[in-house]
């Protein structure tokens, strides 16, 4: 995506001059593959408009990025972790144990998780959470009994779906998208089919039942993708019946190759995500190590630049790429300016 040059005066952000020498003078950022394209757009524009080097942005998944973020404080650790889910309490504790006690949580906007297939492939037009649960869950409910999943085609459990072989490509477990998919699709499908209640009736605890609901089959019908969405797209390119899980922005930038299905009767779009009508959406974040502000040059300026109206607002380049602007962006801007941390009430 080609960006128009954005001037610092347009953004009304004053760049503080840096003094002294640092062992590292560029920002180090890692994490979510969903947030990666947005962070890359911001990093490029930041390098063009500020007297700081262009930040280094890496992917690897939300969990991987947060793990690196929580390794400690210092120039040999990353400054920012991108995440397609909120940081977990266990991760906050891991950070604290390593000395990372002041964390700024910055919500940049919203994205939807979509279900897309080859543009010329079978007609996967409409899904329900129950369809995905029946397609890839390790155990499903048949004739009132929980049994190992032996479904072969989508039409085996829903006559309205194509008579096509089940071949799904879902985010690997290190990705934040996987957790949202599990909670909003698999768990919901488990409840909708009655499998959850059957597990509880069989004596499972609620926690164990939820874990079983989110367990996927291992016979090749469901394939974990540890890379980014380009790897998922490549798998679908080579499999006519393949259906993949993508972020809305990635799909919208590949509509020449992909077609998308509705979920629970709602088509994914920036409008349906912003309104809350589309059921599989989530906020996107980045996390800032406050102890690095004033030590690693440009860190606060980068955070403020990222959430500026001209960048993350509804008319900015991130929205053009597919980000759904946060209606509470002004509050986020104020929190970043004041360096509010999670343990101080954000």
C-alpha atoms as a PDB file:
ATOM      1  CA  UNK A   1       0.000   0.000   0.000  1.00  0.00           C
ATOM      2  CA  UNK A   2       1.491   3.344  -1.007  1.00  0.00           C
ATOM      3  CA  UNK A   3       1.224   6.069   1.611  1.00  0.00           C
ATOM      4  CA  UNK A   4       1.033   9.763   0.988  1.00  0.00           C
ATOM      5  CA  UNK A   5       3.732  11.668   2.855  1.00  0.00           C
ATOM      6  CA  UNK A   6       2.418  12.693   6.260  1.00  0.00           C
ATOM      7  CA  UNK A   7       4.002  15.732   7.855  1.00  0.00           C
ATOM      8  CA  UNK A   8       4.530  16.110  11.562  1.00  0.00           C
ATOM      9  CA  UNK A   9       2.982  19.574  11.446  1.00  0.00           C
ATOM     10  CA  UNK A  10      -0.218  18.074  10.057  1.00  0.00           C
ATOM     11  CA  UNK A  11      -0.350  15.786  13.049  1.00  0.00           C
ATOM     12  CA  UNK A  12       0.486  18.609  15.432  1.00  0.00           C
ATOM     13  CA  UNK A  13       3.050  16.429  17.156  1.00  0.00           C
ATOM     14  CA  UNK A  14       6.262  18.028  18.329  1.00  0.00           C
ATOM     15  CA  UNK A  15       9.304  15.834  18.033  1.00  0.00           C
ATOM     16  CA  UNK A  16      11.634  16.113  20.967  1.00  0.00           C
ATOM     17  CA  UNK A  17      15.298  16.253  20.065  1.00  0.00           C
ATOM     18  CA  UNK A  18      17.409  13.420  21.368  1.00  0.00           C
ATOM     19  CA  UNK A  19      20.561  13.964  23.318  1.00  0.00           C
ATOM     20  CA  UNK A  20      23.300  11.607  24.248  1.00  0.00           C
ATOM     21  CA  UNK A  21      24.295   8.302  22.779  1.00  0.00           C
ATOM     22  CA  UNK A  22      22.335   5.062  23.106  1.00  0.00           C
ATOM     23  CA  UNK A  23      23.451   1.536  22.446  1.00  0.00           C
ATOM     24  CA  UNK A  24      20.202   1.110  20.497  1.00  0.00           C
ATOM     25  CA  UNK A  25      18.429   4.002  18.828  1.00  0.00           C
ATOM     26  CA  UNK A  26      15.678   2.209  16.909  1.00  0.00           C
ATOM     27  CA  UNK A  27      12.463   0.803  18.321  1.00  0.00           C
ATOM     28  CA  UNK A  28      12.080  -2.979  18.448  1.00  0.00           C
ATOM     29  CA  UNK A  29       8.520  -4.250  17.959  1.00  0.00           C
ATOM     30  CA  UNK A  30       7.185  -7.806  17.653  1.00  0.00           C
ATOM     31  CA  UNK A  31       3.972  -9.793  17.924  1.00  0.00           C
ATOM     32  CA  UNK A  32       0.642 -10.251  16.175  1.00  0.00           C
ATOM     33  CA  UNK A  33       0.585 -11.023  12.460  1.00  0.00           C
ATOM     34  CA  UNK A  34      -2.836  -9.325  12.339  1.00  0.00           C
ATOM     35  CA  UNK A  35      -1.425  -6.075  13.712  1.00  0.00           C
ATOM     36  CA  UNK A  36       1.762  -6.425  11.619  1.00  0.00           C
ATOM     37  CA  UNK A  37       0.528  -4.600   8.475  1.00  0.00           C
ATOM     38  CA  UNK A  38      -0.835  -1.705  10.530  1.00  0.00           C
ATOM     39  CA  UNK A  39       2.363  -1.424  12.559  1.00  0.00           C
ATOM     40  CA  UNK A  40       4.426  -1.600   9.362  1.00  0.00           C
ATOM     41  CA  UNK A  41       2.439   1.257   7.817  1.00  0.00           C
ATOM     42  CA  UNK A  42       2.941   3.348  10.952  1.00  0.00           C
ATOM     43  CA  UNK A  43       6.643   2.475  11.229  1.00  0.00           C
ATOM     44  CA  UNK A  44       7.280   3.497   7.618  1.00  0.00           C
ATOM     45  CA  UNK A  45       5.453   6.806   8.029  1.00  0.00           C
ATOM     46  CA  UNK A  46       7.151   7.410  11.381  1.00  0.00           C
ATOM     47  CA  UNK A  47      10.588   6.951   9.833  1.00  0.00           C
ATOM     48  CA  UNK A  48       9.700   9.358   7.017  1.00  0.00           C
ATOM     49  CA  UNK A  49       8.355  12.117   9.246  1.00  0.00           C
ATOM     50  CA  UNK A  50      10.433  12.045  12.420  1.00  0.00           C
ATOM     51  CA  UNK A  51      14.096  12.403  13.271  1.00  0.00           C
ATOM     52  CA  UNK A  52      14.202   8.835  14.521  1.00  0.00           C
ATOM     53  CA  UNK A  53      15.182   5.655  12.668  1.00  0.00           C
ATOM     54  CA  UNK A  54      12.365   3.570  11.217  1.00  0.00           C
ATOM     55  CA  UNK A  55      11.228   1.071  13.877  1.00  0.00           C
ATOM     56  CA  UNK A  56      11.963  -2.608  13.311  1.00  0.00           C
ATOM     57  CA  UNK A  57       8.660  -4.520  13.227  1.00  0.00           C
ATOM     58  CA  UNK A  58       8.571  -8.311  13.405  1.00  0.00           C
ATOM     59  CA  UNK A  59       5.714 -10.804  13.459  1.00  0.00           C
ATOM     60  CA  UNK A  60       5.574 -14.177  15.235  1.00  0.00           C
ATOM     61  CA  UNK A  61       2.137 -14.069  16.856  1.00  0.00           C
ATOM     62  CA  UNK A  62       0.619 -12.319  19.865  1.00  0.00           C
ATOM     63  CA  UNK A  63       1.755 -14.890  22.416  1.00  0.00           C
ATOM     64  CA  UNK A  64       5.293 -14.940  21.055  1.00  0.00           C
ATOM     65  CA  UNK A  65       5.509 -11.149  21.016  1.00  0.00           C
ATOM     66  CA  UNK A  66       4.212 -10.821  24.566  1.00  0.00           C
ATOM     67  CA  UNK A  67       6.627 -13.503  25.740  1.00  0.00           C
ATOM     68  CA  UNK A  68       9.527 -11.496  24.322  1.00  0.00           C
ATOM     69  CA  UNK A  69       8.070  -8.302  25.782  1.00  0.00           C
ATOM     70  CA  UNK A  70       8.022  -9.907  29.229  1.00  0.00           C
ATOM     71  CA  UNK A  71      11.656 -11.034  29.152  1.00  0.00           C
ATOM     72  CA  UNK A  72      12.724  -7.959  31.094  1.00  0.00           C
ATOM     73  CA  UNK A  73      13.735  -4.313  30.876  1.00  0.00           C
ATOM     74  CA  UNK A  74      16.741  -3.094  28.924  1.00  0.00           C
ATOM     75  CA  UNK A  75      18.114  -2.417  25.478  1.00  0.00           C
ATOM     76  CA  UNK A  76      18.316  -6.136  24.690  1.00  0.00           C
ATOM     77  CA  UNK A  77      14.520  -6.532  25.054  1.00  0.00           C
ATOM     78  CA  UNK A  78      11.748  -5.317  22.763  1.00  0.00           C
ATOM     79  CA  UNK A  79       9.933  -2.050  23.436  1.00  0.00           C
ATOM     80  CA  UNK A  80       6.483  -2.822  22.036  1.00  0.00           C
ATOM     81  CA  UNK A  81       4.382  -5.980  21.680  1.00  0.00           C
ATOM     82  CA  UNK A  82       1.562  -6.077  19.134  1.00  0.00           C
ATOM     83  CA  UNK A  83      -1.434  -8.251  20.023  1.00  0.00           C
ATOM     84  CA  UNK A  84      -4.746  -9.269  18.477  1.00  0.00           C
ATOM     85  CA  UNK A  85      -6.095  -9.995  21.957  1.00  0.00           C
ATOM     86  CA  UNK A  86      -5.761  -8.465  25.388  1.00  0.00           C
ATOM     87  CA  UNK A  87      -2.768  -9.451  27.487  1.00  0.00           C
ATOM     88  CA  UNK A  88      -3.538 -12.280  29.932  1.00  0.00           C
ATOM     89  CA  UNK A  89      -3.170 -12.078  33.701  1.00  0.00           C
ATOM     90  CA  UNK A  90      -0.563 -14.841  33.502  1.00  0.00           C
ATOM     91  CA  UNK A  91       1.439 -12.739  31.040  1.00  0.00           C
ATOM     92  CA  UNK A  92       1.183  -9.658  33.251  1.00  0.00           C
ATOM     93  CA  UNK A  93       2.561 -11.777  36.103  1.00  0.00           C
ATOM     94  CA  UNK A  94       5.377 -13.112  33.919  1.00  0.00           C
ATOM     95  CA  UNK A  95       6.237  -9.533  33.000  1.00  0.00           C
ATOM     96  CA  UNK A  96       6.236  -8.458  36.651  1.00  0.00           C
ATOM     97  CA  UNK A  97       8.431 -11.404  37.635  1.00  0.00           C
ATOM     98  CA  UNK A  98      10.972 -10.202  35.053  1.00  0.00           C
ATOM     99  CA  UNK A  99      10.803  -6.588  36.215  1.00  0.00           C
ATOM    100  CA  UNK A 100       8.353  -5.279  33.608  1.00  0.00           C
ATOM    101  CA  UNK A 101       5.876  -3.652  35.969  1.00  0.00           C
ATOM    102  CA  UNK A 102       4.635  -0.565  34.112  1.00  0.00           C
ATOM    103  CA  UNK A 103       2.805  -1.587  30.939  1.00  0.00           C
ATOM    104  CA  UNK A 104       0.835   0.786  28.740  1.00  0.00           C
ATOM    105  CA  UNK A 105      -2.068  -0.932  26.961  1.00  0.00           C
ATOM    106  CA  UNK A 106      -2.973   0.871  23.733  1.00  0.00           C
ATOM    107  CA  UNK A 107      -6.088  -0.151  21.799  1.00  0.00           C
ATOM    108  CA  UNK A 108      -5.729   0.854  18.154  1.00  0.00           C
ATOM    109  CA  UNK A 109      -9.110  -0.204  16.745  1.00  0.00           C
ATOM    110  CA  UNK A 110     -11.050  -3.309  15.755  1.00  0.00           C
ATOM    111  CA  UNK A 111     -10.822  -6.105  13.221  1.00  0.00           C
ATOM    112  CA  UNK A 112     -13.042  -9.008  12.223  1.00  0.00           C
ATOM    113  CA  UNK A 113     -12.183 -12.668  11.747  1.00  0.00           C
ATOM    114  CA  UNK A 114     -13.538 -13.911   8.428  1.00  0.00           C
ATOM    115  CA  UNK A 115     -13.965 -17.293   6.771  1.00  0.00           C
ATOM    116  CA  UNK A 116     -12.856 -17.295   3.159  1.00  0.00           C
ATOM    117  CA  UNK A 117     -12.264 -19.771   0.362  1.00  0.00           C
ATOM    118  CA  UNK A 118     -11.087 -19.894  -3.238  1.00  0.00           C
ATOM    119  CA  UNK A 119     -12.985 -17.440  -5.387  1.00  0.00           C
ATOM    120  CA  UNK A 120     -13.717 -20.180  -7.935  1.00  0.00           C
ATOM    121  CA  UNK A 121     -14.153 -22.975  -5.385  1.00  0.00           C
ATOM    122  CA  UNK A 122     -17.256 -24.477  -3.726  1.00  0.00           C
ATOM    123  CA  UNK A 123     -19.991 -22.088  -2.659  1.00  0.00           C
ATOM    124  CA  UNK A 124     -19.289 -21.568   1.040  1.00  0.00           C
ATOM    125  CA  UNK A 125     -21.761 -18.709   1.374  1.00  0.00           C
ATOM    126  CA  UNK A 126     -23.019 -18.933   4.942  1.00  0.00           C
ATOM    127  CA  UNK A 127     -21.635 -20.417   8.150  1.00  0.00           C
ATOM    128  CA  UNK A 128     -22.859 -20.762  11.702  1.00  0.00           C
ATOM    129  CA  UNK A 129     -20.551 -21.445  14.670  1.00  0.00           C
ATOM    130  CA  UNK A 130     -22.108 -24.930  14.844  1.00  0.00           C
ATOM    131  CA  UNK A 131     -20.813 -25.679  11.334  1.00  0.00           C
ATOM    132  CA  UNK A 132     -17.226 -25.004  12.310  1.00  0.00           C
ATOM    133  CA  UNK A 133     -17.574 -26.958  15.532  1.00  0.00           C
ATOM    134  CA  UNK A 134     -18.986 -29.961  13.668  1.00  0.00           C
ATOM    135  CA  UNK A 135     -16.302 -29.667  11.008  1.00  0.00           C
ATOM    136  CA  UNK A 136     -13.187 -29.572  13.171  1.00  0.00           C
ATOM    137  CA  UNK A 137     -13.958 -30.377  16.823  1.00  0.00           C
ATOM    138  CA  UNK A 138     -12.237 -33.478  18.161  1.00  0.00           C
ATOM    139  CA  UNK A 139     -15.529 -34.796  19.546  1.00  0.00           C
ATOM    140  CA  UNK A 140     -19.045 -34.007  18.326  1.00  0.00           C
ATOM    141  CA  UNK A 141     -22.573 -34.890  19.359  1.00  0.00           C
ATOM    142  CA  UNK A 142     -24.238 -37.628  17.275  1.00  0.00           C
ATOM    143  CA  UNK A 143     -27.536 -39.217  18.266  1.00  0.00           C
ATOM    144  CA  UNK A 144     -27.151 -37.821  21.765  1.00  0.00           C
ATOM    145  CA  UNK A 145     -23.660 -39.279  22.249  1.00  0.00           C
ATOM    146  CA  UNK A 146     -20.256 -37.595  22.234  1.00  0.00           C
ATOM    147  CA  UNK A 147     -18.123 -39.412  19.672  1.00  0.00           C
ATOM    148  CA  UNK A 148     -14.859 -38.900  17.818  1.00  0.00           C
ATOM    149  CA  UNK A 149     -15.415 -36.641  14.827  1.00  0.00           C
ATOM    150  CA  UNK A 150     -15.667 -38.677  11.623  1.00  0.00           C
ATOM    151  CA  UNK A 151     -17.356 -36.118   9.378  1.00  0.00           C
ATOM    152  CA  UNK A 152     -15.741 -36.016   5.937  1.00  0.00           C
ATOM    153  CA  UNK A 153     -17.756 -33.413   4.017  1.00  0.00           C
ATOM    154  CA  UNK A 154     -19.416 -30.180   5.112  1.00  0.00           C
ATOM    155  CA  UNK A 155     -22.745 -31.483   3.835  1.00  0.00           C
ATOM    156  CA  UNK A 156     -22.536 -34.456   6.227  1.00  0.00           C
ATOM    157  CA  UNK A 157     -23.944 -32.285   9.021  1.00  0.00           C
ATOM    158  CA  UNK A 158     -25.504 -29.354   7.133  1.00  0.00           C
ATOM    159  CA  UNK A 159     -27.262 -30.038   3.835  1.00  0.00           C
ATOM    160  CA  UNK A 160     -27.103 -26.332   2.975  1.00  0.00           C
ATOM    161  CA  UNK A 161     -23.305 -26.470   2.774  1.00  0.00           C
ATOM    162  CA  UNK A 162     -21.425 -27.805  -0.270  1.00  0.00           C
ATOM    163  CA  UNK A 163     -20.712 -31.492  -0.680  1.00  0.00           C
ATOM    164  CA  UNK A 164     -17.040 -30.646  -0.376  1.00  0.00           C
ATOM    165  CA  UNK A 165     -14.298 -32.263   1.651  1.00  0.00           C
ATOM    166  CA  UNK A 166     -13.553 -30.602   4.984  1.00  0.00           C
ATOM    167  CA  UNK A 167     -10.185 -28.865   4.650  1.00  0.00           C
ATOM    168  CA  UNK A 168      -9.702 -25.994   7.070  1.00  0.00           C
ATOM    169  CA  UNK A 169      -6.698 -23.815   7.810  1.00  0.00           C
ATOM    170  CA  UNK A 170      -6.816 -22.082  11.169  1.00  0.00           C
ATOM    171  CA  UNK A 171      -4.322 -19.908  13.081  1.00  0.00           C
ATOM    172  CA  UNK A 172      -1.816 -21.818  15.193  1.00  0.00           C
ATOM    173  CA  UNK A 173      -1.943 -21.678  18.965  1.00  0.00           C
ATOM    174  CA  UNK A 174       0.645 -18.883  19.273  1.00  0.00           C
ATOM    175  CA  UNK A 175      -1.655 -16.458  17.468  1.00  0.00           C
ATOM    176  CA  UNK A 176      -4.148 -14.259  19.301  1.00  0.00           C
ATOM    177  CA  UNK A 177      -6.576 -14.866  16.442  1.00  0.00           C
ATOM    178  CA  UNK A 178      -6.715 -18.540  17.450  1.00  0.00           C
ATOM    179  CA  UNK A 179      -7.970 -17.676  20.921  1.00  0.00           C
ATOM    180  CA  UNK A 180     -10.696 -15.415  19.564  1.00  0.00           C
ATOM    181  CA  UNK A 181     -11.674 -18.114  17.052  1.00  0.00           C
ATOM    182  CA  UNK A 182     -11.876 -20.711  19.817  1.00  0.00           C
ATOM    183  CA  UNK A 183     -13.967 -18.551  22.122  1.00  0.00           C
ATOM    184  CA  UNK A 184     -16.337 -16.958  19.614  1.00  0.00           C
ATOM    185  CA  UNK A 185     -16.733 -19.796  17.119  1.00  0.00           C
ATOM    186  CA  UNK A 186     -15.802 -23.210  18.531  1.00  0.00           C
ATOM    187  CA  UNK A 187     -17.121 -22.608  22.036  1.00  0.00           C
ATOM    188  CA  UNK A 188     -20.302 -21.010  20.701  1.00  0.00           C
ATOM    189  CA  UNK A 189     -20.752 -23.891  18.261  1.00  0.00           C
ATOM    190  CA  UNK A 190     -20.247 -26.382  21.066  1.00  0.00           C
ATOM    191  CA  UNK A 191     -23.050 -24.731  23.018  1.00  0.00           C
ATOM    192  CA  UNK A 192     -25.325 -24.427  19.980  1.00  0.00           C
ATOM    193  CA  UNK A 193     -25.049 -28.118  19.066  1.00  0.00           C
ATOM    194  CA  UNK A 194     -25.720 -29.276  22.615  1.00  0.00           C
ATOM    195  CA  UNK A 195     -22.268 -30.832  22.951  1.00  0.00           C
ATOM    196  CA  UNK A 196     -21.369 -28.569  25.866  1.00  0.00           C
ATOM    197  CA  UNK A 197     -24.444 -29.603  27.833  1.00  0.00           C
ATOM    198  CA  UNK A 198     -23.758 -33.263  27.070  1.00  0.00           C
ATOM    199  CA  UNK A 199     -20.255 -32.871  28.499  1.00  0.00           C
ATOM    200  CA  UNK A 200     -21.591 -31.240  31.652  1.00  0.00           C
ATOM    201  CA  UNK A 201     -24.260 -33.918  31.995  1.00  0.00           C
ATOM    202  CA  UNK A 202     -21.515 -36.546  31.743  1.00  0.00           C
ATOM    203  CA  UNK A 203     -19.856 -35.062  34.827  1.00  0.00           C
ATOM    204  CA  UNK A 204     -17.222 -32.793  33.279  1.00  0.00           C
ATOM    205  CA  UNK A 205     -16.403 -29.574  35.078  1.00  0.00           C
ATOM    206  CA  UNK A 206     -17.194 -26.385  33.176  1.00  0.00           C
ATOM    207  CA  UNK A 207     -13.483 -25.689  32.628  1.00  0.00           C
ATOM    208  CA  UNK A 208     -12.848 -29.200  31.308  1.00  0.00           C
ATOM    209  CA  UNK A 209     -15.896 -29.005  29.059  1.00  0.00           C
ATOM    210  CA  UNK A 210     -14.731 -25.704  27.588  1.00  0.00           C
ATOM    211  CA  UNK A 211     -11.306 -27.195  26.963  1.00  0.00           C
ATOM    212  CA  UNK A 212     -12.857 -30.170  25.180  1.00  0.00           C
ATOM    213  CA  UNK A 213     -15.076 -27.866  23.117  1.00  0.00           C
ATOM    214  CA  UNK A 214     -11.999 -26.057  21.816  1.00  0.00           C
ATOM    215  CA  UNK A 215      -9.975 -29.207  21.088  1.00  0.00           C
ATOM    216  CA  UNK A 216      -9.646 -29.783  17.332  1.00  0.00           C
ATOM    217  CA  UNK A 217      -9.345 -33.009  15.400  1.00  0.00           C
ATOM    218  CA  UNK A 218      -5.881 -34.219  14.403  1.00  0.00           C
ATOM    219  CA  UNK A 219      -6.704 -36.257  11.298  1.00  0.00           C
ATOM    220  CA  UNK A 220      -5.731 -33.556   8.812  1.00  0.00           C
ATOM    221  CA  UNK A 221      -9.153 -31.948   8.379  1.00  0.00           C
ATOM    222  CA  UNK A 222      -7.969 -28.998  10.464  1.00  0.00           C
ATOM    223  CA  UNK A 223      -4.474 -27.636   9.879  1.00  0.00           C
ATOM    224  CA  UNK A 224      -2.779 -25.148  12.199  1.00  0.00           C
ATOM    225  CA  UNK A 225      -0.995 -22.313  10.399  1.00  0.00           C
ATOM    226  CA  UNK A 226       1.920 -20.990  12.439  1.00  0.00           C
ATOM    227  CA  UNK A 227       2.897 -18.382   9.849  1.00  0.00           C
ATOM    228  CA  UNK A 228       0.902 -15.354   8.792  1.00  0.00           C
ATOM    229  CA  UNK A 229      -2.147 -15.058   6.537  1.00  0.00           C
ATOM    230  CA  UNK A 230      -0.035 -15.336   3.390  1.00  0.00           C
ATOM    231  CA  UNK A 231       0.679 -18.945   4.346  1.00  0.00           C
ATOM    232  CA  UNK A 232      -3.041 -19.601   4.815  1.00  0.00           C
ATOM    233  CA  UNK A 233      -3.708 -18.069   1.405  1.00  0.00           C
ATOM    234  CA  UNK A 234      -1.061 -20.291  -0.177  1.00  0.00           C
ATOM    235  CA  UNK A 235      -2.716 -23.385   1.318  1.00  0.00           C
ATOM    236  CA  UNK A 236      -6.094 -22.353  -0.081  1.00  0.00           C
ATOM    237  CA  UNK A 237      -4.550 -21.598  -3.473  1.00  0.00           C
ATOM    238  CA  UNK A 238      -3.478 -25.246  -3.637  1.00  0.00           C
ATOM    239  CA  UNK A 239      -6.723 -26.730  -2.267  1.00  0.00           C
ATOM    240  CA  UNK A 240      -9.977 -26.024  -4.097  1.00  0.00           C
ATOM    241  CA  UNK A 241     -12.094 -27.053  -1.099  1.00  0.00           C
ATOM    242  CA  UNK A 242      -9.977 -25.241   1.468  1.00  0.00           C
ATOM    243  CA  UNK A 243     -11.510 -22.705   3.852  1.00  0.00           C
ATOM    244  CA  UNK A 244      -9.286 -20.416   5.889  1.00  0.00           C
ATOM    245  CA  UNK A 245      -9.527 -18.067   8.834  1.00  0.00           C
ATOM    246  CA  UNK A 246      -8.310 -14.543   8.030  1.00  0.00           C
ATOM    247  CA  UNK A 247      -8.452 -11.024   9.354  1.00  0.00           C
ATOM    248  CA  UNK A 248     -10.915  -8.779   7.524  1.00  0.00           C
ATOM    249  CA  UNK A 249      -8.187  -6.434   6.310  1.00  0.00           C
ATOM    250  CA  UNK A 250      -6.203  -9.269   4.717  1.00  0.00           C
ATOM    251  CA  UNK A 251      -9.307 -10.569   2.970  1.00  0.00           C
ATOM    252  CA  UNK A 252     -10.233  -7.110   1.676  1.00  0.00           C
ATOM    253  CA  UNK A 253      -6.774  -6.801   0.164  1.00  0.00           C
ATOM    254  CA  UNK A 254      -7.104 -10.197  -1.568  1.00  0.00           C
ATOM    255  CA  UNK A 255     -10.644 -10.174  -2.950  1.00  0.00           C
ATOM    256  CA  UNK A 256      -9.264 -11.132  -6.359  1.00  0.00           C
ATOM    257  CA  UNK A 257      -8.414 -14.553  -4.910  1.00  0.00           C
ATOM    258  CA  UNK A 258     -10.876 -15.054  -2.064  1.00  0.00           C
ATOM    259  CA  UNK A 259     -14.602 -14.980  -1.387  1.00  0.00           C
ATOM    260  CA  UNK A 260     -16.006 -14.630   2.096  1.00  0.00           C
ATOM    261  CA  UNK A 261     -18.923 -16.288   3.877  1.00  0.00           C
ATOM    262  CA  UNK A 262     -21.387 -14.746   6.274  1.00  0.00           C
ATOM    263  CA  UNK A 263     -21.333 -15.779   9.923  1.00  0.00           C
ATOM    264  CA  UNK A 264     -24.682 -16.104  11.683  1.00  0.00           C
ATOM    265  CA  UNK A 265     -26.295 -14.333   8.735  1.00  0.00           C
ATOM    266  CA  UNK A 266     -24.061 -11.245   8.850  1.00  0.00           C
ATOM    267  CA  UNK A 267     -21.494 -10.354   6.193  1.00  0.00           C
ATOM    268  CA  UNK A 268     -18.180  -9.061   7.575  1.00  0.00           C
ATOM    269  CA  UNK A 269     -17.419  -5.425   6.808  1.00  0.00           C
ATOM    270  CA  UNK A 270     -16.057  -2.380   8.568  1.00  0.00           C
ATOM    271  CA  UNK A 271     -19.659  -1.239   9.039  1.00  0.00           C
ATOM    272  CA  UNK A 272     -20.950  -4.474  10.609  1.00  0.00           C
ATOM    273  CA  UNK A 273     -17.888  -4.705  12.848  1.00  0.00           C
ATOM    274  CA  UNK A 274     -18.198  -1.080  13.960  1.00  0.00           C
ATOM    275  CA  UNK A 275     -21.897  -1.596  14.721  1.00  0.00           C
ATOM    276  CA  UNK A 276     -21.239  -4.822  16.632  1.00  0.00           C
ATOM    277  CA  UNK A 277     -23.535  -6.829  14.333  1.00  0.00           C
ATOM    278  CA  UNK A 278     -20.796  -9.119  13.035  1.00  0.00           C
ATOM    279  CA  UNK A 279     -20.268 -11.730  15.766  1.00  0.00           C
ATOM    280  CA  UNK A 280     -16.571 -12.533  15.285  1.00  0.00           C
ATOM    281  CA  UNK A 281     -14.702  -9.299  15.873  1.00  0.00           C
ATOM    282  CA  UNK A 282     -12.045  -8.235  18.355  1.00  0.00           C
ATOM    283  CA  UNK A 283     -10.052  -5.207  19.498  1.00  0.00           C
ATOM    284  CA  UNK A 284      -6.399  -4.893  18.496  1.00  0.00           C
ATOM    285  CA  UNK A 285      -3.671  -3.638  20.822  1.00  0.00           C
ATOM    286  CA  UNK A 286      -0.062  -2.814  21.280  1.00  0.00           C
ATOM    287  CA  UNK A 287       1.722  -2.785  24.626  1.00  0.00           C
ATOM    288  CA  UNK A 288       4.449  -0.308  25.534  1.00  0.00           C
ATOM    289  CA  UNK A 289       7.206  -0.880  28.080  1.00  0.00           C
ATOM    290  CA  UNK A 290       7.014   2.423  29.973  1.00  0.00           C
ATOM    291  CA  UNK A 291      10.459   1.930  31.507  1.00  0.00           C
ATOM    292  CA  UNK A 292      11.893   2.339  27.985  1.00  0.00           C
ATOM    293  CA  UNK A 293      10.301   5.770  27.447  1.00  0.00           C
ATOM    294  CA  UNK A 294      13.072   8.343  27.658  1.00  0.00           C
ATOM    295  CA  UNK A 295      15.683   5.617  27.247  1.00  0.00           C
ATOM    296  CA  UNK A 296      14.959   4.277  23.769  1.00  0.00           C
ATOM    297  CA  UNK A 297      14.575   7.344  21.525  1.00  0.00           C
ATOM    298  CA  UNK A 298      11.192   7.898  19.891  1.00  0.00           C
ATOM    299  CA  UNK A 299       9.139   5.374  21.852  1.00  0.00           C
ATOM    300  CA  UNK A 300       6.495   7.754  23.177  1.00  0.00           C
ATOM    301  CA  UNK A 301       6.445   9.674  19.907  1.00  0.00           C
ATOM    302  CA  UNK A 302       5.764   6.419  18.055  1.00  0.00           C
ATOM    303  CA  UNK A 303       2.889   5.509  20.380  1.00  0.00           C
ATOM    304  CA  UNK A 304       1.314   8.964  20.005  1.00  0.00           C
ATOM    305  CA  UNK A 305       1.808   8.912  16.247  1.00  0.00           C
ATOM    306  CA  UNK A 306       0.159   5.488  15.945  1.00  0.00           C
ATOM    307  CA  UNK A 307      -3.095   6.611  17.591  1.00  0.00           C
ATOM    308  CA  UNK A 308      -3.243  10.113  16.081  1.00  0.00           C
ATOM    309  CA  UNK A 309      -6.501  10.924  14.275  1.00  0.00           C
ATOM    310  CA  UNK A 310      -4.643  11.248  10.985  1.00  0.00           C
ATOM    311  CA  UNK A 311      -3.267   7.711  11.330  1.00  0.00           C
ATOM    312  CA  UNK A 312      -5.784   5.580  13.266  1.00  0.00           C
ATOM    313  CA  UNK A 313      -8.879   7.711  12.681  1.00  0.00           C
ATOM    314  CA  UNK A 314     -11.669   6.793  10.240  1.00  0.00           C
ATOM    315  CA  UNK A 315     -10.027   8.712   7.376  1.00  0.00           C
ATOM    316  CA  UNK A 316      -6.464   7.600   8.055  1.00  0.00           C
ATOM    317  CA  UNK A 317      -4.265   5.074   6.225  1.00  0.00           C
ATOM    318  CA  UNK A 318      -4.989   2.289   8.719  1.00  0.00           C
ATOM    319  CA  UNK A 319      -8.714   2.532   8.001  1.00  0.00           C
ATOM    320  CA  UNK A 320      -7.913   2.497   4.288  1.00  0.00           C
ATOM    321  CA  UNK A 321      -6.121  -0.814   4.837  1.00  0.00           C
ATOM    322  CA  UNK A 322      -9.058  -2.264   6.801  1.00  0.00           C
ATOM    323  CA  UNK A 323      -8.806  -1.250  10.460  1.00  0.00           C
ATOM    324  CA  UNK A 324     -12.127  -0.329  12.054  1.00  0.00           C
ATOM    325  CA  UNK A 325     -11.494   2.933  13.864  1.00  0.00           C
ATOM    326  CA  UNK A 326     -12.024   2.963  17.624  1.00  0.00           C
ATOM    327  CA  UNK A 327     -14.902   5.291  18.609  1.00  0.00           C
ATOM    328  CA  UNK A 328     -13.015   5.938  21.867  1.00  0.00           C
ATOM    329  CA  UNK A 329      -9.768   6.895  20.136  1.00  0.00           C
ATOM    330  CA  UNK A 330      -9.632  10.279  21.896  1.00  0.00           C
ATOM    331  CA  UNK A 331      -9.517   8.563  25.287  1.00  0.00           C
ATOM    332  CA  UNK A 332      -6.688   6.346  24.069  1.00  0.00           C
ATOM    333  CA  UNK A 333      -4.782   9.384  22.816  1.00  0.00           C
ATOM    334  CA  UNK A 334      -5.110  11.058  26.219  1.00  0.00           C
ATOM    335  CA  UNK A 335      -3.971   7.912  28.033  1.00  0.00           C
ATOM    336  CA  UNK A 336      -0.886   7.609  25.818  1.00  0.00           C
ATOM    337  CA  UNK A 337      -0.043  11.290  26.298  1.00  0.00           C
ATOM    338  CA  UNK A 338      -0.292  10.841  30.075  1.00  0.00           C
ATOM    339  CA  UNK A 339       1.636   7.531  29.957  1.00  0.00           C
ATOM    340  CA  UNK A 340      -1.167   5.749  31.804  1.00  0.00           C
ATOM    341  CA  UNK A 341      -0.258   2.173  32.698  1.00  0.00           C
ATOM    342  CA  UNK A 342      -2.452  -0.847  33.319  1.00  0.00           C
ATOM    343  CA  UNK A 343      -1.757  -0.734  37.044  1.00  0.00           C
ATOM    344  CA  UNK A 344      -2.733   2.931  37.217  1.00  0.00           C
ATOM    345  CA  UNK A 345      -6.280   2.479  35.991  1.00  0.00           C
ATOM    346  CA  UNK A 346      -6.283   2.169  32.198  1.00  0.00           C
END
